[in-house]
Structures are given as C-alpha cells and as structure tokens.
Amino acid sequence: MEQDWTTAPLSPKRAAMLTFAVKLTRTPAEMNDADVEALRSAGFSDRDILDIVEVVGYYAYANRIADGLGIEIESWNPD
C-alpha cells in the first residue's frame, strides 16, 4: 500500500476515502458536491467527512509549514 495504494486490496469505503483525500490534496480547487456525495454513498457520515477533510487539511498545512521553514525529513522516513 505504501508504494501504490490503488493496487492494494482495500475495501470500497477505504478506497473512496483515499480517492477523496488525494483529490483534495492535489487539486483542491476541483472539489465539488459529487466528491462529498461519493463519500456518503460509500457509507461515510457527514461527521466522518468533516474529519477526513480536517485531517487532509491539517497535513497539507503542517507540510507547508515544514517546507517553508526548510525542515528536512527525518532519517527514519523513507522518500
């Protein structure tokens, strides 16, 4: 899964969550109602969706802070 989550044996619910998270990370301006509906259809509640968006947003924020400050990746973290 670490190399390519799209080929991992994931449940449809988990795959929907990761598809959403990747889109929100890579192309946030392209998010729309259909993306949220896809999560609802996969079985996520509105609270679940809020949690997913908050976690994805927090990681984007934290990574930009680290990048902006020139913080290097720890040696234990593979590229």
Protein backbone atom coordinates (compact mmCIF):
# COMPACT_ATOMS: atom_id res chain seq x y z
CA MET A 1 0.00 0.00 0.00
CA GLU A 2 2.87 2.37 0.71
CA GLN A 3 4.10 2.11 -2.89
CA ASP A 4 0.71 2.33 -4.65
CA TRP A 5 -2.49 2.29 -2.65
CA THR A 6 -4.59 1.99 -5.84
CA THR A 7 -3.45 -1.62 -6.27
CA ALA A 8 -3.85 -2.59 -2.61
CA PRO A 9 -6.73 -4.85 -1.56
CA LEU A 10 -8.78 -2.10 0.09
CA SER A 11 -12.48 -2.02 0.86
CA PRO A 12 -14.56 0.20 -1.44
CA LYS A 13 -15.16 2.53 1.52
CA ARG A 14 -11.46 2.97 2.22
CA ALA A 15 -10.68 3.42 -1.50
CA ALA A 16 -13.34 6.15 -1.73
CA MET A 17 -11.78 7.93 1.24
CA LEU A 18 -8.30 7.80 -0.27
CA THR A 19 -9.55 8.92 -3.69
CA PHE A 20 -11.16 11.92 -2.00
CA ALA A 21 -8.03 12.67 0.06
CA VAL A 22 -5.76 12.55 -2.99
CA LYS A 23 -8.01 14.89 -4.97
CA LEU A 24 -8.29 17.31 -2.04
CA THR A 25 -4.50 17.28 -1.70
CA ARG A 26 -3.55 17.57 -5.36
CA THR A 27 -6.37 19.65 -6.86
CA PRO A 28 -8.37 21.27 -4.06
CA ALA A 29 -9.99 23.85 -6.37
CA GLU A 30 -11.60 20.99 -8.32
CA MET A 31 -13.50 19.57 -5.34
CA ASN A 32 -17.28 19.60 -5.75
CA ASP A 33 -20.51 18.22 -4.34
CA ALA A 34 -20.05 14.95 -6.22
CA ASP A 35 -16.86 14.26 -4.25
CA VAL A 36 -18.74 14.57 -0.97
CA GLU A 37 -21.62 12.50 -2.32
CA ALA A 38 -19.18 9.74 -3.28
CA LEU A 39 -18.13 9.52 0.37
CA ARG A 40 -21.73 9.49 1.56
CA SER A 41 -22.52 6.74 -0.95
CA ALA A 42 -19.56 4.76 0.37
CA GLY A 43 -21.05 4.91 3.87
CA PHE A 44 -19.41 7.92 5.48
CA SER A 45 -21.47 10.23 7.67
CA ASP A 46 -21.22 13.99 7.40
CA ARG A 47 -19.17 13.96 10.62
CA ASP A 48 -16.82 11.37 9.08
CA ILE A 49 -16.43 13.57 6.00
CA LEU A 50 -15.63 16.59 8.16
CA ASP A 51 -12.98 14.54 9.97
CA ILE A 52 -11.44 13.41 6.66
CA VAL A 53 -11.30 16.99 5.35
CA GLU A 54 -9.80 18.26 8.61
CA VAL A 55 -7.07 15.59 8.66
CA VAL A 56 -6.17 16.11 5.00
CA GLY A 57 -6.16 19.88 5.51
CA TYR A 58 -4.03 19.64 8.64
CA TYR A 59 -1.40 17.50 6.91
CA ALA A 60 -1.28 19.95 3.99
CA TYR A 61 -0.86 22.82 6.45
CA ALA A 62 1.83 21.06 8.50
CA ASN A 63 3.78 20.04 5.40
CA ARG A 64 3.72 23.57 4.02
CA ILE A 65 4.96 24.95 7.34
CA ALA A 66 7.79 22.41 7.38
CA ASP A 67 8.65 23.06 3.72
CA GLY A 68 8.53 26.81 4.25
CA LEU A 69 10.94 26.57 7.15
CA GLY A 70 13.26 24.22 5.31
CA ILE A 71 12.79 21.40 7.79
CA GLU A 72 14.41 18.24 6.46
CA ILE A 73 12.81 14.80 6.52
CA GLU A 74 13.91 12.61 9.42
CA SER A 75 16.41 9.89 8.54
CA TRP A 76 13.96 7.14 9.52
CA ASN A 77 11.38 8.35 6.98
CA PRO A 78 11.90 6.82 3.51
CA ASP A 79 11.44 9.08 0.49
